[in-house]
Amino acid sequence: MRKWSEEVLRQAGNPRVAALTTTATENVNSFVFDMGPRPGSALELEFDSTYPGCGEPGVLVGLSLGHGGIGFMVRLPDSLPDSEAVLMLADQLQEEVLESTHGDPAPLCPGHVHPAKPEMAGGVPSWVCPRDGKLIRSILPPGLTG
């Protein structure tokens, strides 16, 4: 997941990454808040058990952009096929980068002023033009998937 995240961030314009973490967990619907500099000052919270996938193992990808930037988590349950996990990761990381750069389009859609968007094309997570649906390229290079 870390290599996938690094590749998506590279394609999204190499934003200033303050922190990038990938953590395997028994419950992707829980998350930990750092409550301060004291040892043992973390607090783990879980979503309501009615939330779909509650208690499902997976990987949490944490990202913080820029100095003092607010971090966020992408929750990728193990039950997601790799192709869907790549698509979800690309979509959420791109959204965070776009927000932190105030909308600088990345990856750029060739010939247009908007960013490409992550979408499945022929069963492969790919960057496509949001206007005409034209395939630009796959999100991950061969050998980095699976």
N, C-alpha and C. Protein backbone atom coordinates (compact mmCIF):
# COMPACT_ATOMS: atom_id res chain seq x y z
N MET A 1 0.81 -1.20 0.00
CA MET A 1 0.00 0.00 0.00
C MET A 1 0.86 1.27 0.00
N ARG A 2 1.99 1.21 0.69
CA ARG A 2 2.84 2.40 0.74
C ARG A 2 3.34 2.75 -0.66
N LYS A 3 3.80 1.75 -1.41
CA LYS A 3 4.30 2.02 -2.77
C LYS A 3 3.17 2.52 -3.66
N TRP A 4 1.97 1.96 -3.50
CA TRP A 4 0.83 2.45 -4.26
C TRP A 4 0.58 3.92 -3.92
N SER A 5 0.59 4.24 -2.64
CA SER A 5 0.34 5.62 -2.19
C SER A 5 1.40 6.57 -2.74
N GLU A 6 2.66 6.16 -2.66
CA GLU A 6 3.74 7.01 -3.16
C GLU A 6 3.60 7.26 -4.65
N GLU A 7 3.21 6.23 -5.40
CA GLU A 7 3.04 6.39 -6.85
C GLU A 7 1.88 7.32 -7.17
N VAL A 8 0.76 7.17 -6.49
CA VAL A 8 -0.39 8.06 -6.72
C VAL A 8 -0.01 9.50 -6.37
N LEU A 9 0.69 9.70 -5.27
CA LEU A 9 1.10 11.06 -4.88
C LEU A 9 2.09 11.64 -5.89
N ARG A 10 2.98 10.82 -6.44
CA ARG A 10 3.90 11.30 -7.47
C ARG A 10 3.12 11.79 -8.69
N GLN A 11 2.13 11.03 -9.09
CA GLN A 11 1.32 11.41 -10.24
C GLN A 11 0.44 12.62 -9.95
N ALA A 12 0.12 12.82 -8.69
CA ALA A 12 -0.72 13.96 -8.30
C ALA A 12 0.11 15.22 -8.06
N GLY A 13 1.35 15.23 -8.54
CA GLY A 13 2.14 16.45 -8.50
C GLY A 13 3.17 16.52 -7.40
N ASN A 14 3.52 15.39 -6.79
CA ASN A 14 4.53 15.39 -5.72
C ASN A 14 4.26 16.46 -4.67
N PRO A 15 3.12 16.41 -4.01
CA PRO A 15 2.85 17.41 -2.98
C PRO A 15 3.83 17.29 -1.82
N ARG A 16 3.93 18.34 -1.05
CA ARG A 16 4.79 18.30 0.14
C ARG A 16 4.11 17.41 1.18
N VAL A 17 4.65 16.22 1.33
CA VAL A 17 4.08 15.25 2.26
C VAL A 17 4.80 15.36 3.60
N ALA A 18 4.06 15.71 4.63
CA ALA A 18 4.64 15.80 5.98
C ALA A 18 4.70 14.42 6.61
N ALA A 19 3.72 13.56 6.30
CA ALA A 19 3.69 12.21 6.86
C ALA A 19 2.85 11.31 5.98
N LEU A 20 3.35 10.10 5.76
CA LEU A 20 2.61 9.08 5.04
C LEU A 20 2.82 7.78 5.81
N THR A 21 1.73 7.18 6.24
CA THR A 21 1.83 5.92 6.99
C THR A 21 0.89 4.90 6.38
N THR A 22 1.28 3.64 6.47
CA THR A 22 0.39 2.54 6.12
C THR A 22 0.44 1.57 7.29
N THR A 23 -0.73 1.25 7.81
CA THR A 23 -0.81 0.43 9.01
C THR A 23 -1.84 -0.68 8.83
N ALA A 24 -1.40 -1.92 8.95
CA ALA A 24 -2.34 -3.04 8.95
C ALA A 24 -3.09 -3.01 10.27
N THR A 25 -4.39 -3.26 10.21
CA THR A 25 -5.21 -3.21 11.42
C THR A 25 -6.28 -4.29 11.37
N GLU A 26 -6.75 -4.69 12.54
CA GLU A 26 -7.83 -5.66 12.62
C GLU A 26 -9.19 -5.02 12.38
N ASN A 27 -9.25 -3.68 12.43
CA ASN A 27 -10.52 -2.99 12.24
C ASN A 27 -10.27 -1.67 11.52
N VAL A 28 -10.54 -1.65 10.21
CA VAL A 28 -10.32 -0.43 9.44
C VAL A 28 -11.29 0.68 9.80
N ASN A 29 -12.30 0.35 10.60
CA ASN A 29 -13.27 1.37 10.99
C ASN A 29 -12.98 1.94 12.37
N SER A 30 -11.78 1.72 12.85
CA SER A 30 -11.35 2.40 14.07
C SER A 30 -10.19 3.29 13.69
N PHE A 31 -9.95 4.29 14.45
CA PHE A 31 -8.80 5.13 14.19
C PHE A 31 -8.29 5.69 15.50
N VAL A 32 -7.04 6.11 15.46
CA VAL A 32 -6.37 6.56 16.66
C VAL A 32 -6.10 8.05 16.57
N PHE A 33 -6.44 8.76 17.63
CA PHE A 33 -6.14 10.19 17.72
C PHE A 33 -4.95 10.36 18.65
N ASP A 34 -4.00 11.16 18.24
CA ASP A 34 -2.87 11.48 19.11
C ASP A 34 -3.34 12.59 20.04
N MET A 35 -3.35 12.32 21.32
CA MET A 35 -3.89 13.27 22.28
C MET A 35 -2.82 14.18 22.89
N GLY A 36 -1.60 14.12 22.38
CA GLY A 36 -0.57 15.00 22.91
C GLY A 36 0.76 14.31 23.03
N PRO A 37 1.74 15.01 23.58
CA PRO A 37 3.10 14.48 23.62
C PRO A 37 3.35 13.44 24.71
N ARG A 38 2.42 13.26 25.65
CA ARG A 38 2.65 12.29 26.72
C ARG A 38 2.61 10.86 26.18
N PRO A 39 3.48 9.99 26.65
CA PRO A 39 3.39 8.58 26.26
C PRO A 39 2.04 8.01 26.69
N GLY A 40 1.48 7.17 25.83
CA GLY A 40 0.20 6.55 26.15
C GLY A 40 -0.97 7.49 26.06
N SER A 41 -0.82 8.58 25.30
CA SER A 41 -1.89 9.57 25.24
C SER A 41 -2.74 9.44 23.97
N ALA A 42 -2.79 8.24 23.40
CA ALA A 42 -3.62 8.04 22.21
C ALA A 42 -4.99 7.52 22.62
N LEU A 43 -5.97 7.81 21.81
CA LEU A 43 -7.34 7.39 22.07
C LEU A 43 -7.85 6.69 20.82
N GLU A 44 -8.32 5.45 20.96
CA GLU A 44 -8.86 4.74 19.80
C GLU A 44 -10.38 4.80 19.85
N LEU A 45 -10.96 5.17 18.74
CA LEU A 45 -12.41 5.27 18.63
C LEU A 45 -12.89 4.31 17.56
N GLU A 46 -14.06 3.73 17.75
CA GLU A 46 -14.64 2.87 16.74
C GLU A 46 -15.98 3.44 16.31
N PHE A 47 -16.28 3.21 15.01
CA PHE A 47 -17.58 3.62 14.50
C PHE A 47 -18.66 2.72 15.08
N ASP A 48 -19.88 3.15 14.97
CA ASP A 48 -21.04 2.37 15.37
C ASP A 48 -20.99 1.00 14.67
N SER A 49 -21.36 -0.05 15.36
CA SER A 49 -21.29 -1.40 14.80
C SER A 49 -22.25 -1.60 13.63
N THR A 50 -23.17 -0.68 13.39
CA THR A 50 -24.06 -0.80 12.24
C THR A 50 -23.37 -0.31 10.97
N TYR A 51 -22.22 0.30 11.09
CA TYR A 51 -21.47 0.78 9.92
C TYR A 51 -21.01 -0.42 9.11
N PRO A 52 -21.24 -0.42 7.77
CA PRO A 52 -20.84 -1.57 6.95
C PRO A 52 -19.35 -1.87 7.09
N GLY A 53 -19.02 -3.14 7.28
CA GLY A 53 -17.63 -3.55 7.37
C GLY A 53 -17.00 -3.35 8.73
N CYS A 54 -17.81 -3.01 9.73
CA CYS A 54 -17.27 -2.77 11.06
C CYS A 54 -16.52 -4.01 11.54
N GLY A 55 -15.34 -3.81 12.06
CA GLY A 55 -14.54 -4.90 12.57
C GLY A 55 -13.76 -5.63 11.50
N GLU A 56 -13.75 -5.11 10.29
CA GLU A 56 -13.07 -5.77 9.18
C GLU A 56 -11.58 -5.42 9.14
N PRO A 57 -10.72 -6.42 8.98
CA PRO A 57 -9.28 -6.12 8.88
C PRO A 57 -8.97 -5.42 7.57
N GLY A 58 -7.86 -4.69 7.58
CA GLY A 58 -7.45 -3.99 6.38
C GLY A 58 -6.23 -3.13 6.64
N VAL A 59 -6.08 -2.11 5.83
CA VAL A 59 -4.95 -1.20 5.93
C VAL A 59 -5.47 0.23 6.02
N LEU A 60 -4.88 0.99 6.94
CA LEU A 60 -5.16 2.42 7.05
C LEU A 60 -3.99 3.16 6.43
N VAL A 61 -4.27 4.03 5.48
CA VAL A 61 -3.25 4.87 4.87
C VAL A 61 -3.47 6.27 5.40
N GLY A 62 -2.49 6.77 6.14
CA GLY A 62 -2.58 8.11 6.72
C GLY A 62 -1.73 9.08 5.93
N LEU A 63 -2.24 10.29 5.72
CA LEU A 63 -1.51 11.30 4.96
C LEU A 63 -1.69 12.65 5.60
N SER A 64 -0.60 13.38 5.70
CA SER A 64 -0.63 14.77 6.13
C SER A 64 0.21 15.55 5.14
N LEU A 65 -0.36 16.60 4.57
CA LEU A 65 0.33 17.40 3.56
C LEU A 65 0.77 18.72 4.14
N GLY A 66 2.01 19.10 3.89
CA GLY A 66 2.54 20.38 4.33
C GLY A 66 2.79 20.41 5.82
N HIS A 67 3.50 21.43 6.25
CA HIS A 67 3.78 21.60 7.67
C HIS A 67 2.52 22.04 8.40
N GLY A 68 2.18 21.32 9.45
CA GLY A 68 0.99 21.64 10.22
C GLY A 68 -0.29 21.30 9.50
N GLY A 69 -0.17 20.57 8.37
CA GLY A 69 -1.36 20.19 7.62
C GLY A 69 -2.20 19.21 8.40
N ILE A 70 -3.46 19.22 8.12
CA ILE A 70 -4.37 18.31 8.78
C ILE A 70 -4.30 16.97 8.06
N GLY A 71 -4.21 15.91 8.82
CA GLY A 71 -4.10 14.59 8.24
C GLY A 71 -5.46 13.97 7.98
N PHE A 72 -5.45 12.93 7.19
CA PHE A 72 -6.66 12.17 6.95
C PHE A 72 -6.28 10.72 6.71
N MET A 73 -7.26 9.84 6.75
CA MET A 73 -7.04 8.40 6.59
C MET A 73 -7.87 7.86 5.43
N VAL A 74 -7.28 6.96 4.70
CA VAL A 74 -8.01 6.17 3.72
C VAL A 74 -8.11 4.77 4.32
N ARG A 75 -9.32 4.26 4.41
CA ARG A 75 -9.57 2.94 4.99
C ARG A 75 -9.77 1.94 3.85
N LEU A 76 -8.89 0.95 3.78
CA LEU A 76 -8.96 -0.04 2.71
C LEU A 76 -9.15 -1.43 3.31
N PRO A 77 -10.40 -1.90 3.37
CA PRO A 77 -10.65 -3.23 3.93
C PRO A 77 -10.00 -4.32 3.08
N ASP A 78 -9.54 -5.38 3.73
CA ASP A 78 -8.95 -6.52 3.02
C ASP A 78 -9.92 -7.14 2.02
N SER A 79 -11.22 -6.98 2.24
CA SER A 79 -12.21 -7.58 1.35
C SER A 79 -12.28 -6.90 -0.02
N LEU A 80 -11.72 -5.70 -0.14
CA LEU A 80 -11.71 -5.01 -1.44
C LEU A 80 -10.73 -5.69 -2.38
N PRO A 81 -11.14 -5.98 -3.60
CA PRO A 81 -10.16 -6.47 -4.58
C PRO A 81 -9.08 -5.39 -4.79
N ASP A 82 -7.87 -5.80 -5.14
CA ASP A 82 -6.78 -4.84 -5.33
C ASP A 82 -7.16 -3.71 -6.27
N SER A 83 -7.84 -4.02 -7.37
CA SER A 83 -8.18 -2.99 -8.34
C SER A 83 -9.08 -1.92 -7.72
N GLU A 84 -10.03 -2.33 -6.89
CA GLU A 84 -10.91 -1.36 -6.23
C GLU A 84 -10.17 -0.59 -5.15
N ALA A 85 -9.24 -1.24 -4.47
CA ALA A 85 -8.45 -0.55 -3.44
C ALA A 85 -7.58 0.53 -4.08
N VAL A 86 -6.96 0.22 -5.23
CA VAL A 86 -6.15 1.22 -5.95
C VAL A 86 -7.02 2.39 -6.37
N LEU A 87 -8.19 2.11 -6.89
CA LEU A 87 -9.11 3.15 -7.33
C LEU A 87 -9.53 4.04 -6.17
N MET A 88 -9.90 3.44 -5.04
CA MET A 88 -10.30 4.20 -3.86
C MET A 88 -9.14 5.04 -3.33
N LEU A 89 -7.96 4.45 -3.28
CA LEU A 89 -6.78 5.16 -2.80
C LEU A 89 -6.47 6.36 -3.69
N ALA A 90 -6.48 6.15 -5.01
CA ALA A 90 -6.19 7.24 -5.95
C ALA A 90 -7.22 8.36 -5.83
N ASP A 91 -8.49 7.99 -5.74
CA ASP A 91 -9.55 8.99 -5.64
C ASP A 91 -9.39 9.85 -4.39
N GLN A 92 -9.16 9.21 -3.26
CA GLN A 92 -9.09 9.97 -2.01
C GLN A 92 -7.79 10.75 -1.87
N LEU A 93 -6.66 10.18 -2.32
CA LEU A 93 -5.40 10.93 -2.26
C LEU A 93 -5.43 12.11 -3.22
N GLN A 94 -5.97 11.90 -4.41
CA GLN A 94 -6.06 13.01 -5.37
C GLN A 94 -6.94 14.13 -4.81
N GLU A 95 -8.05 13.78 -4.21
CA GLU A 95 -8.94 14.79 -3.62
C GLU A 95 -8.22 15.62 -2.56
N GLU A 96 -7.45 14.95 -1.72
CA GLU A 96 -6.72 15.65 -0.66
C GLU A 96 -5.65 16.57 -1.25
N VAL A 97 -4.94 16.09 -2.28
CA VAL A 97 -3.92 16.92 -2.92
C VAL A 97 -4.56 18.12 -3.60
N LEU A 98 -5.66 17.91 -4.31
CA LEU A 98 -6.35 19.03 -4.97
C LEU A 98 -6.78 20.08 -3.96
N GLU A 99 -7.27 19.63 -2.83
CA GLU A 99 -7.69 20.57 -1.79
C GLU A 99 -6.50 21.33 -1.22
N SER A 100 -5.39 20.64 -1.00
CA SER A 100 -4.22 21.29 -0.40
C SER A 100 -3.52 22.24 -1.36
N THR A 101 -3.68 22.00 -2.68
CA THR A 101 -3.05 22.87 -3.68
C THR A 101 -4.03 23.89 -4.24
N HIS A 102 -5.21 23.96 -3.65
CA HIS A 102 -6.27 24.88 -4.09
C HIS A 102 -6.68 24.62 -5.54
N GLY A 103 -6.69 23.34 -5.92
CA GLY A 103 -7.24 22.96 -7.21
C GLY A 103 -6.27 22.83 -8.35
N ASP A 104 -4.95 22.84 -8.11
CA ASP A 104 -4.02 22.61 -9.21
C ASP A 104 -4.30 21.23 -9.80
N PRO A 105 -4.60 21.16 -11.10
CA PRO A 105 -5.00 19.88 -11.69
C PRO A 105 -3.85 18.90 -11.81
N ALA A 106 -3.96 17.79 -11.13
CA ALA A 106 -2.92 16.75 -11.21
C ALA A 106 -3.54 15.40 -10.90
N PRO A 107 -3.24 14.39 -11.67
CA PRO A 107 -2.48 14.50 -12.91
C PRO A 107 -3.30 15.25 -13.96
N LEU A 108 -2.62 16.02 -14.75
CA LEU A 108 -3.28 16.83 -15.77
C LEU A 108 -3.85 15.95 -16.86
N CYS A 109 -5.03 16.28 -17.30
CA CYS A 109 -5.67 15.60 -18.41
C CYS A 109 -5.09 16.24 -19.68
N PRO A 110 -4.39 15.46 -20.53
CA PRO A 110 -3.75 16.05 -21.71
C PRO A 110 -4.73 16.84 -22.59
N GLY A 111 -4.32 18.07 -22.91
CA GLY A 111 -5.13 18.93 -23.76
C GLY A 111 -6.25 19.66 -23.04
N HIS A 112 -6.37 19.47 -21.74
CA HIS A 112 -7.43 20.12 -20.98
C HIS A 112 -6.84 20.82 -19.76
N VAL A 113 -7.66 21.60 -19.08
CA VAL A 113 -7.20 22.31 -17.87
C VAL A 113 -7.69 21.65 -16.58
N HIS A 114 -8.36 20.51 -16.70
CA HIS A 114 -8.85 19.80 -15.52
C HIS A 114 -7.97 18.57 -15.25
N PRO A 115 -8.05 18.06 -14.02
CA PRO A 115 -7.29 16.84 -13.73
C PRO A 115 -7.99 15.62 -14.31
N ALA A 116 -7.19 14.59 -14.56
CA ALA A 116 -7.75 13.29 -14.91
C ALA A 116 -8.44 12.76 -13.67
N LYS A 117 -9.36 11.82 -13.86
CA LYS A 117 -10.00 11.24 -12.68
C LYS A 117 -9.79 9.74 -12.66
N PRO A 118 -9.70 9.18 -11.44
CA PRO A 118 -9.51 7.73 -11.35
C PRO A 118 -10.82 7.01 -11.66
N GLU A 119 -10.72 6.01 -12.52
CA GLU A 119 -11.89 5.25 -12.93
C GLU A 119 -11.42 3.89 -13.44
N MET A 120 -12.29 2.91 -13.39
CA MET A 120 -11.96 1.59 -13.90
C MET A 120 -12.11 1.61 -15.42
N ALA A 121 -11.10 1.13 -16.13
CA ALA A 121 -11.15 1.04 -17.60
C ALA A 121 -10.69 -0.36 -18.00
N GLY A 122 -11.60 -1.16 -18.48
CA GLY A 122 -11.26 -2.52 -18.85
C GLY A 122 -10.79 -3.36 -17.68
N GLY A 123 -11.32 -3.08 -16.49
CA GLY A 123 -10.95 -3.82 -15.30
C GLY A 123 -9.65 -3.36 -14.66
N VAL A 124 -9.07 -2.26 -15.18
CA VAL A 124 -7.80 -1.74 -14.67
C VAL A 124 -8.02 -0.34 -14.10
N PRO A 125 -7.57 -0.08 -12.86
CA PRO A 125 -7.69 1.27 -12.30
C PRO A 125 -6.85 2.23 -13.16
N SER A 126 -7.50 3.26 -13.70
CA SER A 126 -6.84 4.12 -14.68
C SER A 126 -7.19 5.58 -14.46
N TRP A 127 -6.37 6.44 -15.05
CA TRP A 127 -6.69 7.86 -15.12
C TRP A 127 -7.43 8.07 -16.44
N VAL A 128 -8.59 8.71 -16.37
CA VAL A 128 -9.40 8.97 -17.57
C VAL A 128 -9.81 10.43 -17.59
N CYS A 129 -10.18 10.90 -18.77
CA CYS A 129 -10.69 12.26 -18.91
C CYS A 129 -12.12 12.29 -18.37
N PRO A 130 -12.41 13.20 -17.42
CA PRO A 130 -13.77 13.26 -16.89
C PRO A 130 -14.78 13.82 -17.91
N ARG A 131 -14.28 14.48 -18.94
CA ARG A 131 -15.18 15.05 -19.94
C ARG A 131 -15.60 14.03 -20.98
N ASP A 132 -14.63 13.32 -21.58
CA ASP A 132 -14.97 12.41 -22.67
C ASP A 132 -14.73 10.94 -22.34
N GLY A 133 -14.21 10.64 -21.15
CA GLY A 133 -13.98 9.26 -20.73
C GLY A 133 -12.78 8.61 -21.39
N LYS A 134 -11.97 9.38 -22.11
CA LYS A 134 -10.80 8.83 -22.81
C LYS A 134 -9.77 8.33 -21.80
N LEU A 135 -9.27 7.12 -22.05
CA LEU A 135 -8.24 6.52 -21.21
C LEU A 135 -6.93 7.27 -21.39
N ILE A 136 -6.31 7.66 -20.27
CA ILE A 136 -5.02 8.34 -20.32
C ILE A 136 -3.91 7.33 -20.04
N ARG A 137 -3.99 6.62 -18.92
CA ARG A 137 -3.03 5.58 -18.57
C ARG A 137 -3.52 4.88 -17.31
N SER A 138 -2.93 3.73 -17.03
CA SER A 138 -3.27 3.05 -15.79
C SER A 138 -2.67 3.83 -14.62
N ILE A 139 -3.29 3.70 -13.45
CA ILE A 139 -2.83 4.43 -12.27
C ILE A 139 -1.49 3.87 -11.80
N LEU A 140 -1.38 2.55 -11.74
CA LEU A 140 -0.13 1.94 -11.31
C LEU A 140 0.59 1.31 -12.50
N PRO A 141 1.91 1.45 -12.54
CA PRO A 141 2.65 0.80 -13.61
C PRO A 141 2.64 -0.72 -13.43
N PRO A 142 2.86 -1.47 -14.52
CA PRO A 142 2.95 -2.93 -14.39
C PRO A 142 4.00 -3.31 -13.35
N GLY A 143 3.71 -4.34 -12.60
CA GLY A 143 4.64 -4.81 -11.59
C GLY A 143 4.40 -4.21 -10.23
N LEU A 144 3.67 -3.13 -10.14
CA LEU A 144 3.40 -2.51 -8.84
C LEU A 144 2.03 -2.95 -8.30
N THR A 145 1.23 -3.61 -9.11
CA THR A 145 -0.08 -4.08 -8.65
C THR A 145 0.05 -5.47 -8.07
N GLY A 146 -1.01 -5.84 -7.32
CA GLY A 146 -1.12 -7.20 -6.80
C GLY A 146 -0.25 -7.59 -5.71
